[in-house]
Amino acid sequence: MKFRSVFDIIGPVMIGPSSSHTAGAARIGRVARTLFGRQPEWARIHLYGSFAETYKGHGTDVAIIGGLLDYDTFDERIKTAFGDADKLGLTYEFIPEEEEADHPNTARIVIGDSQGVMELTGISIGGGTMEVVELNGFPLRLSGHYPALLVVHEDTSGVIASVSNAIASQGMNIAHMEVGRKEKGEMALMVIEVDQMINDQLIHELQSIAHVTQVATLAN
């Protein structure tokens, strides 16, 4: 594993006790909340590997709920996330899984409300950093290090080029990009991490592209 800077090794300013089990878990929860786009009404959190074995003692559970409440890793309110969730009407369930995952610190978060459901799988890779490895059945790699665009679109020719051209027209540089699809000709997902902050003009332009059905953003 290559670290981009010394801060990836030291980790962020955070509520303890563990960068992997607490800060990384909070980031996974917060990314799920951001991509969902609103406060979920309920959450089912499946934990694997060491997350499943030590989630209570290491604060993984309260950290994930804090993330789902949009608390950052350094937010003191993470300590009271359970009570805060109860006050907001967020119900949650933790499900330790016995099956092995590809990474020992893995959480699969299913969240929803009356408008819809979203499923996200994230891994905590150390130093408070994390990666999203699956979103609604799409395999992907989303580091959270850079501002990111998630573009849902029909799997047809020309869409990727149109999206890339729109980004280039804003003077933005693509740091990482990948495309996944479930079946040929069906729905596809573009994940694009860029070096600059994403503006509303770009979002509106992407939303107007033919065959693009949804655009979501994630700030670093």
Protein backbone atom coordinates (compact mmCIF):
# COMPACT_ATOMS: atom_id res chain seq x y z
CA MET A 1 0.00 0.00 0.00
CA LYS A 2 1.43 3.36 -1.03
CA PHE A 3 0.62 6.40 1.09
CA ARG A 4 0.23 9.76 -0.63
CA SER A 5 1.62 11.75 2.27
CA VAL A 6 2.86 11.49 5.83
CA PHE A 7 -0.65 12.48 6.96
CA ASP A 8 -2.02 9.24 5.51
CA ILE A 9 0.26 7.35 7.91
CA ILE A 10 -0.28 9.52 10.97
CA GLY A 11 -3.99 9.76 10.24
CA PRO A 12 -6.44 12.62 10.71
CA VAL A 13 -7.33 14.46 13.88
CA MET A 14 -9.90 12.10 15.28
CA ILE A 15 -11.89 10.73 18.16
CA GLY A 16 -10.24 7.48 19.36
CA PRO A 17 -9.44 4.85 20.26
CA SER A 18 -8.33 3.42 16.90
CA SER A 19 -7.61 5.01 13.54
CA SER A 20 -8.64 1.87 11.68
CA HIS A 21 -11.63 0.89 13.77
CA THR A 22 -12.91 4.35 14.70
CA ALA A 23 -11.77 7.08 12.30
CA GLY A 24 -11.88 4.84 9.23
CA ALA A 25 -15.29 3.54 10.28
CA ALA A 26 -16.61 7.08 10.77
CA ARG A 27 -15.43 8.00 7.30
CA ILE A 28 -17.18 4.98 5.78
CA GLY A 29 -20.42 5.99 7.50
CA ARG A 30 -20.08 9.62 6.45
CA VAL A 31 -19.39 8.75 2.80
CA ALA A 32 -22.50 6.57 2.84
CA ARG A 33 -24.51 9.49 4.27
CA THR A 34 -23.09 11.88 1.65
CA LEU A 35 -23.80 9.60 -1.30
CA PHE A 36 -27.31 8.91 -0.01
CA GLY A 37 -27.81 12.66 -0.07
CA ARG A 38 -29.90 13.02 3.07
CA GLN A 39 -30.31 11.69 6.58
CA PRO A 40 -31.40 8.03 6.40
CA GLU A 41 -34.26 6.81 8.55
CA TRP A 42 -32.78 3.37 9.18
CA ALA A 43 -29.50 1.50 8.80
CA ARG A 44 -28.37 -2.11 8.78
CA ILE A 45 -24.62 -2.43 9.27
CA HIS A 46 -22.96 -5.75 8.42
CA LEU A 47 -19.48 -6.09 9.93
CA TYR A 48 -16.75 -8.47 8.80
CA GLY A 49 -13.38 -9.64 10.09
CA SER A 50 -11.90 -7.66 12.95
CA PHE A 51 -14.75 -5.14 12.67
CA ALA A 52 -17.15 -7.95 13.59
CA GLU A 53 -14.95 -9.18 16.43
CA THR A 54 -14.13 -5.89 18.17
CA TYR A 55 -16.68 -3.33 17.01
CA LYS A 56 -18.05 -2.64 20.49
CA GLY A 57 -14.75 -2.31 22.32
CA HIS A 58 -13.06 -0.22 19.61
CA GLY A 59 -15.98 2.11 19.00
CA THR A 60 -16.59 1.01 15.43
CA ASP A 61 -20.33 0.95 16.03
CA VAL A 62 -20.65 4.47 17.45
CA ALA A 63 -18.23 5.79 14.80
CA ILE A 64 -20.28 4.46 11.90
CA ILE A 65 -23.47 5.91 13.35
CA GLY A 66 -21.65 9.21 13.86
CA GLY A 67 -20.63 9.13 10.21
CA LEU A 68 -24.24 8.45 9.19
CA LEU A 69 -25.16 11.59 11.15
CA ASP A 70 -22.60 13.49 9.04
CA TYR A 71 -20.07 13.85 11.90
CA ASP A 72 -16.43 14.14 10.81
CA THR A 73 -13.65 12.08 12.40
CA PHE A 74 -12.69 14.87 14.82
CA ASP A 75 -16.27 15.70 15.87
CA GLU A 76 -16.75 15.27 19.62
CA ARG A 77 -20.39 14.38 18.96
CA ILE A 78 -19.28 10.94 17.76
CA LYS A 79 -19.20 9.98 21.44
CA THR A 80 -22.94 10.68 21.74
CA ALA A 81 -23.93 9.39 18.28
CA PHE A 82 -26.23 6.66 19.59
CA GLY A 83 -28.27 9.12 21.62
CA ASP A 84 -28.26 11.67 18.81
CA ALA A 85 -29.49 9.03 16.35
CA ASP A 86 -32.33 8.09 18.69
CA LYS A 87 -33.40 11.72 18.94
CA LEU A 88 -33.44 12.03 15.14
CA GLY A 89 -35.40 8.81 14.71
CA LEU A 90 -32.58 6.92 13.02
CA THR A 91 -32.97 3.23 13.84
CA TYR A 92 -29.97 0.95 13.34
CA GLU A 93 -28.86 -2.65 13.67
CA PHE A 94 -25.35 -4.13 13.76
CA ILE A 95 -24.93 -7.57 12.24
CA PRO A 96 -21.57 -9.30 12.85
CA GLU A 97 -20.93 -11.69 9.96
CA GLU A 98 -18.91 -14.90 10.20
CA GLU A 99 -18.00 -15.14 6.53
CA GLU A 100 -14.63 -13.78 5.51
CA ALA A 101 -14.29 -10.61 3.46
CA ASP A 102 -11.39 -9.64 1.22
CA HIS A 103 -10.27 -7.08 3.83
CA PRO A 104 -10.39 -7.62 7.64
CA ASN A 105 -11.91 -4.19 8.36
CA THR A 106 -15.01 -4.31 6.17
CA ALA A 107 -18.45 -2.81 6.71
CA ARG A 108 -21.45 -3.22 4.42
CA ILE A 109 -23.95 -0.47 5.15
CA VAL A 110 -27.54 -0.61 3.95
CA ILE A 111 -29.44 2.62 4.58
CA GLY A 112 -32.82 3.85 3.50
CA ASP A 113 -35.97 5.87 3.99
CA SER A 114 -39.38 6.18 2.34
CA GLN A 115 -37.72 7.48 -0.84
CA GLY A 116 -35.16 4.75 -1.46
CA VAL A 117 -32.41 2.38 -0.32
CA MET A 118 -28.65 2.42 -0.84
CA GLU A 119 -26.01 -0.22 -0.15
CA LEU A 120 -22.32 0.58 0.26
CA THR A 121 -19.33 -1.57 1.19
CA GLY A 122 -16.27 0.15 2.60
CA ILE A 123 -12.94 -0.95 4.03
CA SER A 124 -10.78 0.83 6.58
CA ILE A 125 -7.20 0.57 5.32
CA GLY A 126 -5.31 2.18 8.21
CA GLY A 127 -4.40 5.62 9.44
CA GLY A 128 -8.01 6.73 9.36
CA THR A 129 -8.25 6.21 5.59
CA MET A 130 -10.86 4.14 3.81
CA GLU A 131 -12.00 2.98 0.40
CA VAL A 132 -15.44 2.29 -0.97
CA VAL A 133 -15.29 -0.99 -2.89
CA GLU A 134 -18.94 -1.50 -3.84
CA LEU A 135 -21.97 0.73 -4.30
CA ASN A 136 -25.43 -0.68 -5.04
CA GLY A 137 -23.87 -3.78 -6.56
CA PHE A 138 -21.29 -1.90 -8.65
CA PRO A 139 -17.66 -2.79 -7.82
CA LEU A 140 -15.50 0.31 -7.64
CA ARG A 141 -12.55 1.95 -5.92
CA LEU A 142 -13.28 5.28 -4.29
CA SER A 143 -10.57 6.53 -1.96
CA GLY A 144 -12.14 9.69 -0.57
CA HIS A 145 -8.80 11.51 -1.02
CA TYR A 146 -10.10 13.67 -3.86
CA PRO A 147 -13.35 15.37 -4.81
CA ALA A 148 -15.32 12.76 -6.74
CA LEU A 149 -18.13 12.51 -9.25
CA LEU A 150 -20.38 9.47 -9.45
CA VAL A 151 -22.28 9.41 -12.72
CA VAL A 152 -25.02 6.83 -13.29
CA HIS A 153 -25.76 6.39 -16.97
CA GLU A 154 -27.04 4.06 -19.62
CA ASP A 155 -24.32 1.82 -21.04
CA THR A 156 -24.15 3.30 -24.51
CA SER A 157 -21.45 4.78 -26.72
CA GLY A 158 -20.40 8.40 -26.37
CA VAL A 159 -21.38 8.96 -22.73
CA ILE A 160 -17.88 8.56 -21.30
CA ALA A 161 -16.44 10.93 -23.91
CA SER A 162 -19.16 13.53 -23.22
CA VAL A 163 -18.53 13.38 -19.47
CA SER A 164 -14.74 13.63 -19.94
CA ASN A 165 -15.14 16.60 -22.28
CA ALA A 166 -17.40 18.39 -19.78
CA ILE A 167 -14.79 17.95 -17.06
CA ALA A 168 -11.99 19.14 -19.34
CA SER A 169 -14.02 22.23 -20.32
CA GLN A 170 -13.92 23.26 -16.64
CA GLY A 171 -10.11 23.00 -16.60
CA MET A 172 -10.24 20.04 -14.24
CA ASN A 173 -7.71 17.22 -14.18
CA ILE A 174 -8.86 13.64 -13.63
CA ALA A 175 -6.87 11.87 -10.92
CA HIS A 176 -8.65 8.52 -11.19
CA MET A 177 -11.50 7.19 -13.30
CA GLU A 178 -13.21 3.86 -13.71
CA VAL A 179 -16.45 2.58 -15.20
CA GLY A 180 -18.47 -0.40 -14.07
CA ARG A 181 -21.62 -2.00 -15.41
CA LYS A 182 -23.82 -4.86 -14.33
CA GLU A 183 -24.72 -6.03 -17.83
CA LYS A 184 -23.92 -4.87 -21.36
CA GLY A 185 -26.33 -2.20 -22.50
CA GLU A 186 -27.85 -1.73 -19.04
CA MET A 187 -27.04 0.71 -16.24
CA ALA A 188 -23.41 1.75 -15.70
CA LEU A 189 -21.55 3.79 -13.10
CA MET A 190 -18.65 6.18 -13.68
CA VAL A 191 -16.46 7.06 -10.69
CA ILE A 192 -14.21 10.05 -11.36
CA GLU A 193 -11.86 11.62 -8.83
CA VAL A 194 -10.55 15.07 -9.79
CA ASP A 195 -7.86 17.44 -8.51
CA GLN A 196 -10.11 20.50 -8.17
CA MET A 197 -13.31 21.27 -6.31
CA ILE A 198 -16.46 20.43 -8.25
CA ASN A 199 -18.72 23.37 -9.09
CA ASP A 200 -22.47 23.56 -9.75
CA GLN A 201 -21.94 24.47 -13.39
CA LEU A 202 -20.21 21.16 -14.06
CA ILE A 203 -22.91 19.22 -12.23
CA HIS A 204 -25.66 20.88 -14.29
CA GLU A 205 -23.74 20.22 -17.50
CA LEU A 206 -23.29 16.54 -16.64
CA GLN A 207 -26.97 16.19 -15.74
CA SER A 208 -27.92 17.52 -19.18
CA ILE A 209 -25.88 14.91 -21.08
CA ALA A 210 -28.01 12.37 -22.94
CA HIS A 211 -28.26 8.98 -21.21
CA VAL A 212 -26.99 10.32 -17.86
CA THR A 213 -29.61 9.54 -15.21
CA GLN A 214 -27.98 10.67 -11.96
CA VAL A 215 -24.97 12.69 -10.77
CA ALA A 216 -23.65 12.64 -7.21
CA THR A 217 -20.62 14.37 -5.74
CA LEU A 218 -18.31 13.64 -2.86
CA ALA A 219 -15.99 16.28 -1.42
CA ASN A 220 -12.63 15.13 -0.04
